[in-house]
Amino acid sequence: MRLFRLGSRRRWDRGQGLAEFALVFPITMLLFMAMFDFGRAVYGLNAVGNAAREGVRTAMVNQNWGDIRQRAADQAQALGMNSSLVGCDASNVPTTATGVCVRIDGPDGTVGTCTTMAPGCVAEVTSKWTFTAITPFVSAFVGQKAFTSTSKQPIESVCAGSCPTR
């Protein structure tokens, strides 16, 4: 004896799968987009750190500030980092949403004591990028976050004429 026949579902049971899908799909998509935004944030943080490191590596042998900013910005091309001259505050952080600041400090790290470029002076490069989430729901909670990275290295040689950039 059969308890039920195949294909004899009740009428109210027919749309259950569609209703469950309609409830679960938006939440699943929101989670995927939030993971995408998290990945962008991690990539941006890594790229900003790499930009500062590459900029200071260039500054160790080449004290042309335009070359230093360009080399740092080239390391964060996907972020659209600005290589043009930007305003920098007292702690050498760009005042714009994105950019690179360069400063030469004294051998002991004091600001402004190294008036002439010389081996032993300390090159300091700071890069900055502002993260904004693409997902509206995540953006409402996170807002905009500024990622900055600073790198310092002593100058190894003073460059005159054609300076290396790598």
C-alpha atoms as a PDB file:
ATOM      1  CA  MET A   1       0.000   0.000   0.000  1.00  0.00           C
ATOM      2  CA  ARG A   2       1.316   3.446  -0.908  1.00  0.00           C
ATOM      3  CA  LEU A   3       1.042   6.354   1.464  1.00  0.00           C
ATOM      4  CA  PHE A   4       1.205   8.907  -1.330  1.00  0.00           C
ATOM      5  CA  ARG A   5       1.295   8.970  -5.073  1.00  0.00           C
ATOM      6  CA  LEU A   6       4.135  10.502  -7.049  1.00  0.00           C
ATOM      7  CA  GLY A   7       3.203  13.920  -8.356  1.00  0.00           C
ATOM      8  CA  SER A   8       0.374  14.422  -5.895  1.00  0.00           C
ATOM      9  CA  ARG A   9       1.878  17.309  -3.947  1.00  0.00           C
ATOM     10  CA  ARG A  10      -0.402  19.718  -2.260  1.00  0.00           C
ATOM     11  CA  ARG A  11      -0.948  23.044  -4.017  1.00  0.00           C
ATOM     12  CA  TRP A  12       0.654  25.195  -1.307  1.00  0.00           C
ATOM     13  CA  ASP A  13       3.813  23.101  -1.482  1.00  0.00           C
ATOM     14  CA  ARG A  14       4.625  23.914  -5.109  1.00  0.00           C
ATOM     15  CA  GLY A  15       6.246  27.355  -4.596  1.00  0.00           C
ATOM     16  CA  GLN A  16       8.239  26.496  -1.501  1.00  0.00           C
ATOM     17  CA  GLY A  17      11.577  26.111  -3.309  1.00  0.00           C
ATOM     18  CA  LEU A  18      11.121  29.433  -5.110  1.00  0.00           C
ATOM     19  CA  ALA A  19      10.235  31.225  -1.871  1.00  0.00           C
ATOM     20  CA  GLU A  20      13.276  29.800  -0.085  1.00  0.00           C
ATOM     21  CA  PHE A  21      15.521  30.813  -2.977  1.00  0.00           C
ATOM     22  CA  ALA A  22      14.080  34.344  -2.917  1.00  0.00           C
ATOM     23  CA  LEU A  23      14.911  34.611   0.782  1.00  0.00           C
ATOM     24  CA  VAL A  24      18.419  33.126   0.648  1.00  0.00           C
ATOM     25  CA  PHE A  25      19.730  34.601  -2.636  1.00  0.00           C
ATOM     26  CA  PRO A  26      20.030  38.273  -1.531  1.00  0.00           C
ATOM     27  CA  ILE A  27      21.846  37.313   1.666  1.00  0.00           C
ATOM     28  CA  THR A  28      24.234  35.072  -0.267  1.00  0.00           C
ATOM     29  CA  MET A  29      24.970  37.823  -2.805  1.00  0.00           C
ATOM     30  CA  LEU A  30      25.588  40.329  -0.008  1.00  0.00           C
ATOM     31  CA  LEU A  31      28.102  37.950   1.580  1.00  0.00           C
ATOM     32  CA  PHE A  32      29.917  37.446  -1.734  1.00  0.00           C
ATOM     33  CA  MET A  33      30.102  41.196  -2.364  1.00  0.00           C
ATOM     34  CA  ALA A  34      31.328  41.804   1.193  1.00  0.00           C
ATOM     35  CA  MET A  35      34.088  39.219   0.624  1.00  0.00           C
ATOM     36  CA  PHE A  36      34.997  41.038  -2.593  1.00  0.00           C
ATOM     37  CA  ASP A  37      35.249  44.354  -0.697  1.00  0.00           C
ATOM     38  CA  PHE A  38      37.348  42.712   2.014  1.00  0.00           C
ATOM     39  CA  GLY A  39      39.713  41.394  -0.672  1.00  0.00           C
ATOM     40  CA  ARG A  40      40.003  44.882  -2.193  1.00  0.00           C
ATOM     41  CA  ALA A  41      40.832  46.312   1.233  1.00  0.00           C
ATOM     42  CA  VAL A  42      43.562  43.735   1.883  1.00  0.00           C
ATOM     43  CA  TYR A  43      45.009  44.296  -1.599  1.00  0.00           C
ATOM     44  CA  GLY A  44      44.963  48.078  -1.052  1.00  0.00           C
ATOM     45  CA  LEU A  45      46.717  47.801   2.304  1.00  0.00           C
ATOM     46  CA  ASN A  46      49.405  45.608   0.757  1.00  0.00           C
ATOM     47  CA  ALA A  47      49.841  47.909  -2.269  1.00  0.00           C
ATOM     48  CA  VAL A  48      50.168  51.015  -0.067  1.00  0.00           C
ATOM     49  CA  GLY A  49      52.901  49.339   1.990  1.00  0.00           C
ATOM     50  CA  ASN A  50      54.706  48.187  -1.124  1.00  0.00           C
ATOM     51  CA  ALA A  51      54.511  51.696  -2.627  1.00  0.00           C
ATOM     52  CA  ALA A  52      56.198  53.228   0.427  1.00  0.00           C
ATOM     53  CA  ARG A  53      58.937  50.577   0.418  1.00  0.00           C
ATOM     54  CA  GLU A  54      59.680  50.978  -3.291  1.00  0.00           C
ATOM     55  CA  GLY A  55      59.692  54.760  -2.952  1.00  0.00           C
ATOM     56  CA  VAL A  56      62.238  54.712  -0.143  1.00  0.00           C
ATOM     57  CA  ARG A  57      64.392  52.178  -2.024  1.00  0.00           C
ATOM     58  CA  THR A  58      64.545  54.675  -4.875  1.00  0.00           C
ATOM     59  CA  ALA A  59      65.259  57.550  -2.472  1.00  0.00           C
ATOM     60  CA  MET A  60      68.307  55.743  -1.085  1.00  0.00           C
ATOM     61  CA  VAL A  61      70.178  56.276  -4.364  1.00  0.00           C
ATOM     62  CA  ASN A  62      68.123  58.964  -6.148  1.00  0.00           C
ATOM     63  CA  GLN A  63      67.055  62.130  -4.359  1.00  0.00           C
ATOM     64  CA  ASN A  64      64.893  63.444  -7.207  1.00  0.00           C
ATOM     65  CA  TRP A  65      61.540  63.717  -5.456  1.00  0.00           C
ATOM     66  CA  GLY A  66      59.573  63.410  -8.703  1.00  0.00           C
ATOM     67  CA  ASP A  67      61.274  60.078  -9.481  1.00  0.00           C
ATOM     68  CA  ILE A  68      60.630  58.858  -5.944  1.00  0.00           C
ATOM     69  CA  ARG A  69      56.911  59.741  -6.070  1.00  0.00           C
ATOM     70  CA  GLN A  70      56.566  58.207  -9.544  1.00  0.00           C
ATOM     71  CA  ARG A  71      58.259  54.952  -8.505  1.00  0.00           C
ATOM     72  CA  ALA A  72      56.027  54.688  -5.427  1.00  0.00           C
ATOM     73  CA  ALA A  73      52.865  55.441  -7.433  1.00  0.00           C
ATOM     74  CA  ASP A  74      53.854  52.869 -10.067  1.00  0.00           C
ATOM     75  CA  GLN A  75      53.732  50.178  -7.374  1.00  0.00           C
ATOM     76  CA  ALA A  76      50.077  51.011  -6.681  1.00  0.00           C
ATOM     77  CA  GLN A  77      48.763  51.577 -10.211  1.00  0.00           C
ATOM     78  CA  ALA A  78      45.595  49.569  -9.606  1.00  0.00           C
ATOM     79  CA  LEU A  79      44.705  51.936  -6.762  1.00  0.00           C
ATOM     80  CA  GLY A  80      45.122  55.009  -8.933  1.00  0.00           C
ATOM     81  CA  MET A  81      47.718  56.478  -6.603  1.00  0.00           C
ATOM     82  CA  ASN A  82      48.615  60.058  -7.435  1.00  0.00           C
ATOM     83  CA  SER A  83      52.276  60.700  -8.280  1.00  0.00           C
ATOM     84  CA  SER A  84      51.920  64.468  -8.596  1.00  0.00           C
ATOM     85  CA  LEU A  85      53.026  66.797  -5.820  1.00  0.00           C
ATOM     86  CA  VAL A  86      50.440  66.709  -3.021  1.00  0.00           C
ATOM     87  CA  GLY A  87      50.175  68.553   0.253  1.00  0.00           C
ATOM     88  CA  CYS A  88      51.782  66.866   3.246  1.00  0.00           C
ATOM     89  CA  ASP A  89      51.074  67.510   6.910  1.00  0.00           C
ATOM     90  CA  ALA A  90      53.705  67.841   9.657  1.00  0.00           C
ATOM     91  CA  SER A  91      54.020  64.063  10.043  1.00  0.00           C
ATOM     92  CA  ASN A  92      54.663  63.627   6.278  1.00  0.00           C
ATOM     93  CA  VAL A  93      51.201  62.148   5.506  1.00  0.00           C
ATOM     94  CA  PRO A  94      49.411  63.288   2.318  1.00  0.00           C
ATOM     95  CA  THR A  95      46.498  65.630   2.978  1.00  0.00           C
ATOM     96  CA  THR A  96      44.667  64.357  -0.128  1.00  0.00           C
ATOM     97  CA  ALA A  97      42.737  61.077  -0.457  1.00  0.00           C
ATOM     98  CA  THR A  98      45.629  59.440  -2.280  1.00  0.00           C
ATOM     99  CA  GLY A  99      49.261  60.373  -2.786  1.00  0.00           C
ATOM    100  CA  VAL A 100      52.914  60.074  -1.846  1.00  0.00           C
ATOM    101  CA  CYS A 101      54.944  62.365   0.427  1.00  0.00           C
ATOM    102  CA  VAL A 102      58.749  62.433   0.571  1.00  0.00           C
ATOM    103  CA  ARG A 103      60.949  63.933   3.280  1.00  0.00           C
ATOM    104  CA  ILE A 104      64.667  63.808   4.104  1.00  0.00           C
ATOM    105  CA  ASP A 105      65.425  63.770   7.834  1.00  0.00           C
ATOM    106  CA  GLY A 106      68.650  64.079   9.750  1.00  0.00           C
ATOM    107  CA  PRO A 107      70.794  61.044  10.620  1.00  0.00           C
ATOM    108  CA  ASP A 108      69.241  60.926  14.089  1.00  0.00           C
ATOM    109  CA  GLY A 109      65.699  61.145  12.645  1.00  0.00           C
ATOM    110  CA  THR A 110      65.066  64.804  13.456  1.00  0.00           C
ATOM    111  CA  VAL A 111      63.082  66.707  10.855  1.00  0.00           C
ATOM    112  CA  GLY A 112      64.853  69.422   8.892  1.00  0.00           C
ATOM    113  CA  THR A 113      68.389  68.930  10.216  1.00  0.00           C
ATOM    114  CA  CYS A 114      69.697  67.470   6.955  1.00  0.00           C
ATOM    115  CA  THR A 115      69.788  70.601   4.798  1.00  0.00           C
ATOM    116  CA  THR A 116      72.155  69.149   2.197  1.00  0.00           C
ATOM    117  CA  MET A 117      71.796  65.656   0.802  1.00  0.00           C
ATOM    118  CA  ALA A 118      74.500  63.428   2.252  1.00  0.00           C
ATOM    119  CA  PRO A 119      74.964  59.768   3.014  1.00  0.00           C
ATOM    120  CA  GLY A 120      73.537  59.075   6.435  1.00  0.00           C
ATOM    121  CA  CYS A 121      70.520  61.348   6.070  1.00  0.00           C
ATOM    122  CA  VAL A 122      67.263  59.416   6.333  1.00  0.00           C
ATOM    123  CA  ALA A 123      64.773  59.267   3.459  1.00  0.00           C
ATOM    124  CA  GLU A 124      61.144  58.936   4.562  1.00  0.00           C
ATOM    125  CA  VAL A 125      58.361  58.053   2.093  1.00  0.00           C
ATOM    126  CA  THR A 126      54.689  57.914   3.096  1.00  0.00           C
ATOM    127  CA  SER A 127      51.970  56.632   0.780  1.00  0.00           C
ATOM    128  CA  LYS A 128      48.239  56.981   1.341  1.00  0.00           C
ATOM    129  CA  TRP A 129      45.086  55.550  -0.267  1.00  0.00           C
ATOM    130  CA  THR A 130      41.484  55.923   0.863  1.00  0.00           C
ATOM    131  CA  PHE A 131      39.333  52.774   0.696  1.00  0.00           C
ATOM    132  CA  THR A 132      35.623  52.999  -0.039  1.00  0.00           C
ATOM    133  CA  ALA A 133      33.544  49.810  -0.148  1.00  0.00           C
ATOM    134  CA  ILE A 134      31.576  49.143  -3.327  1.00  0.00           C
ATOM    135  CA  THR A 135      28.781  47.265  -1.591  1.00  0.00           C
ATOM    136  CA  PRO A 136      26.254  49.841  -0.308  1.00  0.00           C
ATOM    137  CA  PHE A 137      25.405  47.860   2.827  1.00  0.00           C
ATOM    138  CA  VAL A 138      29.067  47.402   3.755  1.00  0.00           C
ATOM    139  CA  SER A 139      29.852  51.007   2.846  1.00  0.00           C
ATOM    140  CA  ALA A 140      27.217  52.223   5.298  1.00  0.00           C
ATOM    141  CA  PHE A 141      28.946  50.408   8.154  1.00  0.00           C
ATOM    142  CA  VAL A 142      32.593  50.847   7.180  1.00  0.00           C
ATOM    143  CA  GLY A 143      32.605  54.253   5.467  1.00  0.00           C
ATOM    144  CA  GLN A 144      35.913  55.492   4.103  1.00  0.00           C
ATOM    145  CA  LYS A 145      39.176  54.248   5.592  1.00  0.00           C
ATOM    146  CA  ALA A 146      42.538  55.852   4.886  1.00  0.00           C
ATOM    147  CA  PHE A 147      45.411  53.371   4.569  1.00  0.00           C
ATOM    148  CA  THR A 148      48.862  54.889   5.081  1.00  0.00           C
ATOM    149  CA  SER A 149      52.310  53.368   5.178  1.00  0.00           C
ATOM    150  CA  THR A 150      55.644  54.977   6.010  1.00  0.00           C
ATOM    151  CA  SER A 151      59.082  53.622   5.239  1.00  0.00           C
ATOM    152  CA  LYS A 152      62.467  55.045   6.269  1.00  0.00           C
ATOM    153  CA  GLN A 153      65.975  54.198   5.060  1.00  0.00           C
ATOM    154  CA  PRO A 154      69.327  56.013   5.225  1.00  0.00           C
ATOM    155  CA  ILE A 155      70.626  57.578   2.006  1.00  0.00           C
ATOM    156  CA  GLU A 156      73.449  55.475   0.582  1.00  0.00           C
ATOM    157  CA  SER A 157      74.745  57.810  -2.110  1.00  0.00           C
ATOM    158  CA  VAL A 158      74.015  61.279  -3.408  1.00  0.00           C
ATOM    159  CA  CYS A 159      72.904  61.316  -6.998  1.00  0.00           C
ATOM    160  CA  ALA A 160      73.966  63.951  -9.505  1.00  0.00           C
ATOM    161  CA  GLY A 161      73.016  63.908 -13.181  1.00  0.00           C
ATOM    162  CA  SER A 162      71.389  60.698 -14.430  1.00  0.00           C
ATOM    163  CA  CYS A 163      70.030  58.949 -11.355  1.00  0.00           C
ATOM    164  CA  PRO A 164      68.930  55.311 -11.093  1.00  0.00           C
ATOM    165  CA  THR A 165      65.253  54.629 -10.417  1.00  0.00           C
ATOM    166  CA  ARG A 166      65.521  50.909  -9.631  1.00  0.00           C
END
